[in-house]
Amino acid sequence: GRVNVSTDNGIALTFDVERFPTLLLLSADGRAYEFQERRRSLPLLSAFATGGYRNQLSSLAVPTTLRPNEPQWWLLLRSLWKPLKQTVIVAFSIAACLAGGIKLLIYACGIRVPEEAAEGEATNKKKAG
């Protein structure tokens, strides 16, 4: 059958569908097999449906219940979460590397760190006071 996952997204969530179009074969033994060929021709689809799916290493058990439909805004948020999380991790990694690199450069060049200057000012204030 054909499913419009824009309106019936609970089915897509149940079967973890992440790309479109996704072709699943639900077999009599209670397993779901995904058609994974890039080319979709009638001979390939026919071979898959008439037993070729048994050659696949991965399958998933057909769930006994379907997940409920979720609002479109929630699906959009879920789809953006992974790239957003990766972007934040990369940004923090770059910032940490830059901070470490700057400290290493300061150390290698022998530049006085502002903390040493602050200690000198504190000593001057004690002498004046």
Foldseek 3Di string as FASTA:
>chain_A
DDDDCVVFVQQCVQVVPDDPPWDWDQDPVQKIATDDDPDDDPVSVVCCNVPVSVPDPDIGGHDPDTGGDDDPVVVVVVVVVVVVVVVVVVVVVVVVVVVVVVVVVCVVVVPDDVVVVVVVVVVVVVVVD
